[in-house]
Amino acid sequence: MAYCQNSREDEMNDPFGFAMQPCTFPPGTDQKIIHAFDAVDKDCNGYIEESELRTALSKCNQTYTARTIRFFMCAFSKDTTRI
C-alpha cells in the first residue's frame, strides 16, 4: 500500500499520520507509477478527478479541450468523474 504524499501545509504537521490516505495499487506496481499517480492526485483521495487530469496534462505543454478530457475520463474509468 502506498500513501499519497500531497498533504496540505496544515496536515504536514500531523504527528499521528491521519493526513496520509491510502492509495491501493496491485502488487508489484512500479514505484515510478505510484509516484506519478501521487503527483497528479492533489487531494489524496485515491482518484484522479477531471480537474487534476487537466492540470497534469497542461504541465506537459499540451492543451486539451474539455471534451477531450472527458473522453480520457470515460476511456479509462467506468466512473466518468474520476479515474
N, C-alpha and C. Protein backbone atom coordinates (compact mmCIF):
# COMPACT_ATOMS: atom_id res chain seq x y z
N MET A 1 0.84 -1.17 0.00
CA MET A 1 0.00 0.00 0.00
C MET A 1 0.90 1.24 0.00
N ALA A 2 0.57 2.18 -0.84
CA ALA A 2 1.31 3.43 -0.92
C ALA A 2 0.50 4.52 -0.24
N TYR A 3 1.16 5.58 0.13
CA TYR A 3 0.47 6.69 0.75
C TYR A 3 0.74 7.95 -0.03
N CYS A 4 -0.31 8.69 -0.28
CA CYS A 4 -0.21 9.92 -1.02
C CYS A 4 0.63 10.92 -0.22
N GLN A 5 1.57 11.54 -0.89
CA GLN A 5 2.47 12.48 -0.23
C GLN A 5 2.00 13.92 -0.37
N ASN A 6 0.90 14.16 -1.04
CA ASN A 6 0.42 15.52 -1.28
C ASN A 6 -0.47 15.98 -0.13
N SER A 7 0.13 16.42 0.94
CA SER A 7 -0.64 16.90 2.08
C SER A 7 -0.66 18.41 2.08
N ARG A 8 -1.76 18.99 2.58
CA ARG A 8 -1.81 20.42 2.74
C ARG A 8 -0.87 20.81 3.87
N GLU A 9 -0.44 22.07 3.90
CA GLU A 9 0.52 22.52 4.90
C GLU A 9 0.06 22.23 6.32
N ASP A 10 -1.21 22.46 6.62
CA ASP A 10 -1.69 22.23 7.98
C ASP A 10 -1.71 20.75 8.34
N GLU A 11 -1.75 19.87 7.34
CA GLU A 11 -1.76 18.44 7.59
C GLU A 11 -0.35 17.87 7.69
N MET A 12 0.64 18.61 7.20
CA MET A 12 2.01 18.10 7.19
C MET A 12 2.57 17.95 8.60
N ASN A 13 2.02 18.67 9.55
CA ASN A 13 2.49 18.59 10.92
C ASN A 13 1.67 17.60 11.75
N ASP A 14 0.94 16.74 11.10
CA ASP A 14 0.09 15.77 11.78
C ASP A 14 0.95 14.67 12.38
N PRO A 15 1.14 14.64 13.70
CA PRO A 15 2.04 13.66 14.31
C PRO A 15 1.53 12.23 14.25
N PHE A 16 0.24 12.03 14.01
CA PHE A 16 -0.31 10.69 14.02
C PHE A 16 -0.52 10.11 12.62
N GLY A 17 -0.25 10.90 11.59
CA GLY A 17 -0.37 10.41 10.23
C GLY A 17 -1.78 10.31 9.70
N PHE A 18 -2.72 10.99 10.34
CA PHE A 18 -4.09 10.93 9.85
C PHE A 18 -4.27 11.61 8.51
N ALA A 19 -3.35 12.49 8.15
CA ALA A 19 -3.45 13.20 6.88
C ALA A 19 -3.11 12.27 5.71
N MET A 20 -2.40 11.21 5.97
CA MET A 20 -2.00 10.28 4.91
C MET A 20 -3.17 9.35 4.61
N GLN A 21 -3.58 9.31 3.36
CA GLN A 21 -4.68 8.45 2.96
C GLN A 21 -4.13 7.34 2.08
N PRO A 22 -4.60 6.11 2.28
CA PRO A 22 -4.07 5.00 1.49
C PRO A 22 -4.53 5.05 0.05
N CYS A 23 -3.62 4.75 -0.84
CA CYS A 23 -3.90 4.57 -2.26
C CYS A 23 -3.49 3.14 -2.57
N THR A 24 -4.37 2.32 -3.08
CA THR A 24 -4.03 0.93 -3.32
C THR A 24 -3.64 0.70 -4.76
N PHE A 25 -2.60 -0.08 -4.96
CA PHE A 25 -2.12 -0.46 -6.28
C PHE A 25 -1.90 -1.97 -6.27
N PRO A 26 -1.99 -2.61 -7.43
CA PRO A 26 -1.74 -4.05 -7.48
C PRO A 26 -0.32 -4.37 -7.03
N PRO A 27 -0.13 -5.52 -6.41
CA PRO A 27 1.22 -5.91 -6.00
C PRO A 27 2.18 -5.87 -7.19
N GLY A 28 3.38 -5.39 -6.95
CA GLY A 28 4.40 -5.33 -7.99
C GLY A 28 4.34 -4.09 -8.86
N THR A 29 3.45 -3.16 -8.56
CA THR A 29 3.36 -1.92 -9.33
C THR A 29 4.66 -1.15 -9.19
N ASP A 30 5.21 -0.72 -10.30
CA ASP A 30 6.47 0.04 -10.31
C ASP A 30 6.30 1.31 -9.47
N GLN A 31 7.29 1.61 -8.65
CA GLN A 31 7.24 2.79 -7.80
C GLN A 31 7.12 4.09 -8.60
N LYS A 32 7.62 4.10 -9.82
CA LYS A 32 7.51 5.30 -10.66
C LYS A 32 6.04 5.59 -10.99
N ILE A 33 5.27 4.54 -11.20
CA ILE A 33 3.84 4.68 -11.48
C ILE A 33 3.14 5.25 -10.25
N ILE A 34 3.46 4.72 -9.08
CA ILE A 34 2.84 5.18 -7.84
C ILE A 34 3.18 6.64 -7.59
N HIS A 35 4.43 7.02 -7.78
CA HIS A 35 4.83 8.41 -7.56
C HIS A 35 4.16 9.34 -8.57
N ALA A 36 4.04 8.90 -9.82
CA ALA A 36 3.37 9.71 -10.83
C ALA A 36 1.90 9.91 -10.47
N PHE A 37 1.25 8.84 -10.02
CA PHE A 37 -0.15 8.94 -9.61
C PHE A 37 -0.29 9.92 -8.45
N ASP A 38 0.57 9.78 -7.45
CA ASP A 38 0.52 10.67 -6.29
C ASP A 38 0.75 12.13 -6.68
N ALA A 39 1.59 12.36 -7.68
CA ALA A 39 1.86 13.73 -8.12
C ALA A 39 0.62 14.37 -8.75
N VAL A 40 -0.22 13.56 -9.38
CA VAL A 40 -1.42 14.07 -10.04
C VAL A 40 -2.60 14.14 -9.07
N ASP A 41 -2.69 13.21 -8.14
CA ASP A 41 -3.80 13.14 -7.19
C ASP A 41 -3.59 14.16 -6.07
N LYS A 42 -3.85 15.41 -6.36
CA LYS A 42 -3.55 16.52 -5.44
C LYS A 42 -4.35 16.46 -4.14
N ASP A 43 -5.58 15.96 -4.16
CA ASP A 43 -6.36 15.93 -2.93
C ASP A 43 -6.20 14.62 -2.17
N CYS A 44 -5.35 13.73 -2.67
CA CYS A 44 -5.00 12.47 -2.00
C CYS A 44 -6.22 11.61 -1.66
N ASN A 45 -7.20 11.57 -2.55
CA ASN A 45 -8.37 10.75 -2.28
C ASN A 45 -8.30 9.39 -2.96
N GLY A 46 -7.19 9.12 -3.65
CA GLY A 46 -7.03 7.83 -4.31
C GLY A 46 -7.58 7.79 -5.72
N TYR A 47 -8.05 8.91 -6.22
CA TYR A 47 -8.60 9.01 -7.57
C TYR A 47 -8.05 10.26 -8.25
N ILE A 48 -8.09 10.25 -9.57
CA ILE A 48 -7.72 11.44 -10.33
C ILE A 48 -9.00 12.01 -10.93
N GLU A 49 -9.36 13.20 -10.48
CA GLU A 49 -10.56 13.88 -10.98
C GLU A 49 -10.23 14.62 -12.27
N GLU A 50 -11.28 15.05 -12.95
CA GLU A 50 -11.14 15.75 -14.23
C GLU A 50 -10.22 16.97 -14.12
N SER A 51 -10.39 17.75 -13.08
CA SER A 51 -9.56 18.95 -12.91
C SER A 51 -8.10 18.59 -12.68
N GLU A 52 -7.83 17.51 -11.95
CA GLU A 52 -6.46 17.08 -11.70
C GLU A 52 -5.81 16.58 -13.00
N LEU A 53 -6.58 15.86 -13.80
CA LEU A 53 -6.06 15.38 -15.09
C LEU A 53 -5.77 16.56 -16.01
N ARG A 54 -6.68 17.52 -16.06
CA ARG A 54 -6.48 18.70 -16.90
C ARG A 54 -5.21 19.44 -16.49
N THR A 55 -5.00 19.61 -15.19
CA THR A 55 -3.82 20.30 -14.68
C THR A 55 -2.55 19.52 -15.04
N ALA A 56 -2.57 18.22 -14.85
CA ALA A 56 -1.39 17.39 -15.15
C ALA A 56 -1.04 17.44 -16.64
N LEU A 57 -2.05 17.34 -17.49
CA LEU A 57 -1.79 17.37 -18.93
C LEU A 57 -1.31 18.74 -19.38
N SER A 58 -1.79 19.79 -18.75
CA SER A 58 -1.35 21.13 -19.15
C SER A 58 0.12 21.37 -18.79
N LYS A 59 0.62 20.67 -17.79
CA LYS A 59 2.03 20.79 -17.42
C LYS A 59 2.95 20.14 -18.44
N CYS A 60 2.39 19.39 -19.36
CA CYS A 60 3.16 18.73 -20.42
C CYS A 60 3.15 19.57 -21.70
N ASN A 61 2.85 20.86 -21.54
CA ASN A 61 2.79 21.79 -22.68
C ASN A 61 1.80 21.35 -23.75
N GLN A 62 0.71 20.74 -23.30
CA GLN A 62 -0.36 20.33 -24.21
C GLN A 62 -1.65 20.97 -23.73
N THR A 63 -2.47 21.38 -24.66
CA THR A 63 -3.79 21.88 -24.29
C THR A 63 -4.84 20.94 -24.88
N TYR A 64 -5.80 20.62 -24.06
CA TYR A 64 -6.86 19.72 -24.47
C TYR A 64 -8.19 20.39 -24.20
N THR A 65 -9.15 20.13 -25.05
CA THR A 65 -10.49 20.68 -24.84
C THR A 65 -11.16 19.92 -23.70
N ALA A 66 -12.21 20.51 -23.15
CA ALA A 66 -12.96 19.84 -22.09
C ALA A 66 -13.52 18.52 -22.61
N ARG A 67 -13.90 18.50 -23.87
CA ARG A 67 -14.44 17.28 -24.46
C ARG A 67 -13.39 16.17 -24.50
N THR A 68 -12.16 16.52 -24.83
CA THR A 68 -11.08 15.53 -24.88
C THR A 68 -10.77 15.00 -23.48
N ILE A 69 -10.75 15.88 -22.50
CA ILE A 69 -10.50 15.46 -21.12
C ILE A 69 -11.60 14.49 -20.68
N ARG A 70 -12.84 14.80 -20.99
CA ARG A 70 -13.95 13.90 -20.63
C ARG A 70 -13.83 12.57 -21.37
N PHE A 71 -13.35 12.60 -22.62
CA PHE A 71 -13.12 11.37 -23.36
C PHE A 71 -12.10 10.50 -22.63
N PHE A 72 -11.00 11.11 -22.20
CA PHE A 72 -9.99 10.36 -21.44
C PHE A 72 -10.61 9.75 -20.18
N MET A 73 -11.41 10.54 -19.48
CA MET A 73 -12.04 10.05 -18.26
C MET A 73 -12.94 8.85 -18.55
N CYS A 74 -13.70 8.92 -19.62
CA CYS A 74 -14.59 7.82 -19.99
C CYS A 74 -13.83 6.60 -20.49
N ALA A 75 -12.74 6.83 -21.19
CA ALA A 75 -11.97 5.74 -21.77
C ALA A 75 -11.25 4.90 -20.72
N PHE A 76 -10.89 5.53 -19.61
CA PHE A 76 -10.08 4.83 -18.62
C PHE A 76 -10.80 4.52 -17.31
N SER A 77 -12.08 4.82 -17.23
CA SER A 77 -12.80 4.55 -15.99
C SER A 77 -14.28 4.38 -16.25
N LYS A 78 -14.90 3.53 -15.47
CA LYS A 78 -16.35 3.37 -15.56
C LYS A 78 -17.06 4.56 -14.92
N ASP A 79 -16.39 5.20 -13.97
CA ASP A 79 -16.89 6.41 -13.32
C ASP A 79 -16.35 7.59 -14.10
N THR A 80 -17.20 8.32 -14.78
CA THR A 80 -16.72 9.38 -15.68
C THR A 80 -16.24 10.63 -14.96
N THR A 81 -16.34 10.66 -13.63
CA THR A 81 -15.89 11.84 -12.90
C THR A 81 -14.49 11.70 -12.33
N ARG A 82 -13.97 10.47 -12.33
CA ARG A 82 -12.62 10.24 -11.79
C ARG A 82 -12.05 8.93 -12.32
N ILE A 83 -10.73 8.85 -12.29
CA ILE A 83 -10.04 7.65 -12.76
C ILE A 83 -9.51 6.92 -11.53
